[in-house]
Protein backbone atom coordinates (compact mmCIF):
# COMPACT_ATOMS: atom_id res chain seq x y z
CA MET A 1 -53.25 18.41 25.59
CA TYR A 2 -54.45 19.85 28.92
CA GLY A 3 -53.05 19.48 32.44
CA SER A 4 -53.95 16.95 35.05
CA THR A 5 -55.14 17.31 38.66
CA ARG A 6 -51.90 16.32 40.01
CA GLU A 7 -50.73 19.65 39.01
CA LYS A 8 -52.73 21.33 41.57
CA PRO A 9 -50.57 23.50 43.97
CA ALA A 10 -50.70 23.38 47.56
CA LEU A 11 -51.58 26.89 48.30
CA ALA A 12 -54.71 26.89 46.02
CA ARG A 13 -57.38 25.98 48.42
CA GLY A 14 -61.00 27.38 48.12
CA ALA A 15 -63.49 27.92 50.92
CA GLY A 16 -66.64 26.71 49.25
CA GLN A 17 -67.27 29.34 46.86
CA HIS A 18 -69.70 28.73 43.99
CA LEU A 19 -68.03 28.43 40.54
CA LEU A 20 -69.97 28.14 37.51
CA ILE A 21 -68.17 26.40 34.61
CA ILE A 22 -69.53 27.02 31.05
CA VAL A 23 -67.70 24.47 28.77
CA GLU A 24 -69.15 22.48 25.97
CA GLU A 25 -66.44 19.77 25.69
CA PRO A 26 -67.28 17.06 28.22
CA ASP A 27 -63.59 16.12 28.96
CA VAL A 28 -62.62 19.67 29.58
CA ALA A 29 -65.51 20.26 31.73
CA GLU A 30 -64.88 17.02 33.87
CA LEU A 31 -61.19 18.02 34.17
CA LEU A 32 -61.89 21.62 35.40
CA SER A 33 -64.67 20.38 37.89
CA THR A 34 -62.71 17.69 39.36
CA THR A 35 -59.60 19.89 39.79
CA LEU A 36 -61.72 23.01 41.41
CA GLU A 37 -63.80 20.60 43.51
CA LEU A 38 -60.45 19.05 44.94
CA ALA A 39 -59.25 22.58 45.61
CA GLY A 40 -62.37 23.17 47.71
CA TYR A 41 -64.76 24.96 45.64
CA ARG A 42 -68.76 24.04 44.85
CA ILE A 43 -69.12 23.63 41.11
CA SER A 44 -72.10 23.75 38.77
CA VAL A 45 -71.31 22.94 35.06
CA VAL A 46 -73.47 23.82 32.09
CA GLY A 47 -72.75 23.48 28.32
CA THR A 48 -74.05 26.83 26.77
CA GLY A 49 -73.96 30.60 27.64
CA SER A 50 -77.94 30.65 27.54
CA GLU A 51 -78.05 27.87 30.42
CA ALA A 52 -75.27 29.84 32.22
CA LEU A 53 -77.14 33.11 32.13
CA ALA A 54 -80.34 31.36 33.53
CA ARG A 55 -78.37 29.82 36.41
CA LEU A 56 -76.67 33.27 36.96
CA ALA A 57 -80.18 34.83 37.34
CA GLU A 58 -81.53 32.43 39.90
CA ARG A 59 -78.63 31.98 42.37
CA ARG A 60 -75.35 33.75 43.55
CA ILE A 61 -72.22 32.51 41.59
CA ASP A 62 -68.66 33.70 43.04
CA LEU A 63 -66.85 33.41 39.75
CA VAL A 64 -67.43 32.14 36.38
CA VAL A 65 -65.15 29.80 34.05
CA VAL A 66 -66.06 30.19 30.41
CA ASP A 67 -64.87 28.67 27.12
CA ALA A 68 -64.76 31.75 24.53
CA ALA A 69 -65.31 29.35 21.66
CA LEU A 70 -69.04 28.47 22.94
CA PRO A 71 -71.28 28.82 19.66
CA ASP A 72 -73.89 31.06 21.53
CA VAL A 73 -71.72 33.39 23.23
CA ALA A 74 -71.93 36.03 20.65
CA SER A 75 -75.81 36.13 20.71
CA LEU A 76 -76.25 36.53 24.42
CA ASP A 77 -76.36 40.26 24.50
CA ARG A 78 -79.93 40.24 22.87
CA ASN A 79 -81.47 38.07 25.38
CA ARG A 80 -79.56 38.53 28.47
CA PRO A 81 -81.45 38.44 31.71
CA ALA A 82 -80.87 40.41 34.71
CA VAL A 83 -78.38 38.81 36.96
CA LEU A 84 -78.31 38.70 40.79
CA ASP A 85 -74.79 39.75 40.96
CA ARG A 86 -71.80 40.52 38.64
CA PRO A 87 -69.03 37.67 39.39
CA PRO A 88 -65.61 37.88 38.06
CA VAL A 89 -64.86 35.63 34.79
CA LEU A 90 -61.87 33.44 33.67
CA VAL A 91 -62.01 33.17 30.16
CA LEU A 92 -60.54 30.14 28.32
CA THR A 93 -59.45 31.43 24.84
CA ALA A 94 -57.41 30.27 22.04
CA TYR A 95 -56.85 33.96 21.03
CA ASP A 96 -57.74 37.34 21.96
CA SER A 97 -61.51 37.44 22.35
CA LEU A 98 -62.07 39.26 25.62
CA ASP A 99 -63.18 42.53 24.30
CA ARG A 100 -65.72 40.63 22.41
CA LEU A 101 -66.92 38.36 24.96
CA VAL A 102 -67.10 40.38 28.33
CA PRO A 103 -69.68 43.09 27.40
CA GLU A 104 -72.07 40.33 26.00
CA LEU A 105 -71.90 38.16 29.16
CA GLY A 106 -72.43 41.45 31.35
CA LEU A 107 -70.17 40.04 34.03
CA GLY A 108 -67.68 41.62 36.30
CA GLU A 109 -63.96 41.76 36.19
CA ARG A 110 -62.14 39.12 34.13
CA ASP A 111 -58.93 37.26 33.19
CA TYR A 112 -57.87 34.90 30.81
CA VAL A 113 -55.75 31.72 30.29
CA THR A 114 -54.82 30.54 26.85
CA LYS A 115 -55.73 26.94 25.50
CA PRO A 116 -54.51 24.40 25.89
CA PHE A 117 -54.15 25.44 29.49
CA ARG A 118 -52.62 24.03 32.74
CA VAL A 119 -54.77 23.16 35.51
CA ALA A 120 -52.05 24.94 38.01
CA GLU A 121 -52.71 28.18 36.03
CA VAL A 122 -56.49 27.94 36.28
CA LEU A 123 -56.23 27.58 39.89
CA ALA A 124 -53.77 30.34 40.41
CA ARG A 125 -56.10 32.81 38.33
CA VAL A 126 -59.23 31.70 40.26
CA GLU A 127 -57.54 32.48 43.46
CA VAL A 128 -56.35 35.83 42.46
CA LEU A 129 -59.84 36.95 41.17
CA LEU A 130 -61.53 35.68 44.16
CA ARG A 131 -59.07 37.32 46.52
CA ALA A 132 -59.74 40.66 44.65
CA ARG A 133 -63.45 40.12 45.13
CA ARG A 134 -63.25 39.59 48.73
CA ALA A 135 -61.05 42.78 49.26
CA GLY A 136 -63.98 44.67 47.38
CA ARG A 137 -61.58 46.35 44.93
CA PRO A 138 -60.66 45.65 41.14
CA ARG A 139 -57.36 44.24 40.49
CA ASN A 140 -54.57 46.27 39.04
CA THR A 141 -55.15 46.02 35.14
CA ALA A 142 -51.58 46.71 34.40
CA LEU A 143 -49.15 44.11 33.22
CA GLU A 144 -45.54 44.65 34.03
CA TYR A 145 -42.12 43.15 33.11
CA ARG A 146 -39.27 45.63 34.44
CA ASP A 147 -39.99 48.86 32.69
CA LEU A 148 -42.42 47.51 30.25
CA VAL A 149 -46.13 48.46 31.18
CA LEU A 150 -49.16 47.50 29.57
CA ASP A 151 -52.45 48.84 30.76
CA ASP A 152 -55.56 46.70 29.66
CA THR A 153 -57.93 49.32 30.75
CA LEU A 154 -56.69 51.89 28.19
CA CYS A 155 -55.12 49.53 25.95
CA GLU A 156 -51.70 51.61 26.33
CA ALA A 157 -48.10 50.63 26.56
CA ARG A 158 -44.96 52.10 27.83
CA ARG A 159 -41.45 51.26 28.22
CA GLY A 160 -40.14 53.27 31.05
CA THR A 161 -41.29 56.89 30.67
CA ARG A 162 -41.80 56.46 26.93
CA ALA A 163 -45.40 55.83 25.51
CA LEU A 164 -45.49 53.00 22.84
CA ASP A 165 -47.59 53.91 19.84
CA LEU A 166 -49.01 50.49 18.98
CA THR A 167 -51.50 49.20 16.60
CA PRO A 168 -54.19 46.64 17.82
CA ALA A 169 -52.14 43.86 16.54
CA GLU A 170 -48.97 45.08 17.90
CA TYR A 171 -50.47 45.53 21.39
CA ARG A 172 -51.90 42.14 21.21
CA LEU A 173 -48.56 40.56 20.34
CA LEU A 174 -46.82 42.41 22.93
CA ARG A 175 -49.43 41.40 25.63
CA HIS A 176 -49.08 37.71 24.43
CA LEU A 177 -45.35 37.75 24.79
CA LEU A 178 -45.39 39.64 28.14
CA VAL A 179 -48.03 37.17 29.95
CA ASN A 180 -45.61 34.28 28.60
CA ALA A 181 -42.20 35.95 29.58
CA HIS A 182 -39.37 33.92 29.01
CA ARG A 183 -41.39 31.24 27.15
CA VAL A 184 -40.81 30.55 23.48
CA LEU A 185 -43.95 31.13 21.32
CA THR A 186 -44.19 29.59 17.81
CA LYS A 187 -45.26 31.64 14.89
CA GLU A 188 -48.10 29.40 14.70
CA GLN A 189 -49.30 30.30 18.05
CA ILE A 190 -48.76 33.82 17.92
CA GLY A 191 -50.72 33.96 14.67
CA ARG A 192 -53.67 32.16 16.15
CA TYR A 193 -53.69 34.20 19.16
CA ILE A 194 -53.75 37.53 17.27
CA TRP A 195 -56.01 36.72 14.36
CA GLY A 196 -57.60 33.56 15.26
CA ASP A 197 -55.69 31.95 12.31
CA PHE A 198 -52.32 31.50 10.87
CA HIS A 199 -51.36 33.98 8.22
CA GLY A 200 -48.15 32.69 7.33
CA ASP A 201 -44.54 33.25 8.56
CA ASN A 202 -43.92 36.54 6.71
CA ALA A 203 -46.95 38.19 8.33
CA ILE A 204 -45.64 37.36 11.81
CA GLU A 205 -42.03 38.37 11.06
CA GLN A 206 -43.18 41.78 9.79
CA LEU A 207 -45.34 42.13 12.83
CA VAL A 208 -42.33 41.19 15.19
CA SER A 209 -40.19 43.55 13.32
CA ARG A 210 -42.23 46.40 13.76
CA LEU A 211 -43.14 45.74 17.54
CA ARG A 212 -39.39 45.36 18.16
CA ARG A 213 -38.51 48.82 16.77
CA LYS A 214 -40.95 50.26 19.08
CA VAL A 215 -40.45 48.45 22.13
CA ASP A 216 -36.36 47.96 22.02
CA ARG A 217 -35.39 51.39 20.66
CA ASP A 218 -32.80 52.96 22.96
CA ALA A 219 -33.42 50.08 25.71
CA PRO A 220 -32.06 46.66 26.62
CA VAL A 221 -33.72 44.25 24.11
CA LEU A 222 -36.60 42.39 25.40
CA ILE A 223 -37.97 40.78 22.27
CA HIS A 224 -35.69 37.87 21.15
CA THR A 225 -35.74 35.21 18.48
CA ARG A 226 -35.18 31.44 19.03
CA ARG A 227 -34.09 30.47 15.72
CA GLY A 228 -36.18 27.44 14.35
CA PHE A 229 -38.64 27.75 17.29
CA GLY A 230 -40.22 31.30 17.68
CA TYR A 231 -39.94 34.27 19.79
CA TRP A 232 -39.83 35.23 23.43
CA LEU A 233 -39.77 38.28 25.70
CA GLY A 234 -37.43 38.94 28.57
CA LEU A 235 -33.97 40.04 29.49
CA ALA A 236 -31.35 37.69 28.51
CA ASP A 237 -28.86 36.20 30.90
CA GLY A 238 -26.40 38.71 31.96
CA GLU A 239 -28.48 41.86 31.41
CA SER A 240 -30.13 43.94 34.02
């Protein structure tokens, strides 16, 4: 279930920038195009990655919104035409596919939102990407919560001054918990984000247990269990 256009925050206002939406599902494409047009952006919509790259080659696009589940995304690298510009890209994804997607699209700076998404979050991410583009500088790729820092450029994490030696799956899990801080994520949501499929309760429990030992060692607890529901990241009430 996706959000509605009524969620549009008052501060999310475009200035006529041209956005390209690459989405195969008609209802999702309509929701995004209507929402972003109401926010003040000019919108083009295509349904395939090959159509998108042709559009990018012929005109300036200020930002791309793309569904990571497009069936032809993985083959774009072989036939990619030269593009006039390298706009930032906002990826709609059900799991962590950024490393696979971005080199093949050959675009610029990227961010992502997980599906099902809220339109308010899409609008906020679009605004941040465009603001960084106008400033002519990349955004800080570090994600932070108190003394926990993740660097997406280097795929490194630290807690205070202590570096965390994480496996790829542990890093993806920690990132997913961090960007959803104070929100409970179910085991199924976590499994699909990390592996693209649900591998069962035991696999998730073991992964969370290993991550906890590394993140919360000799420090205030950040990773919590909500029994019967899932896991969340943040400081509990009363902790500082």
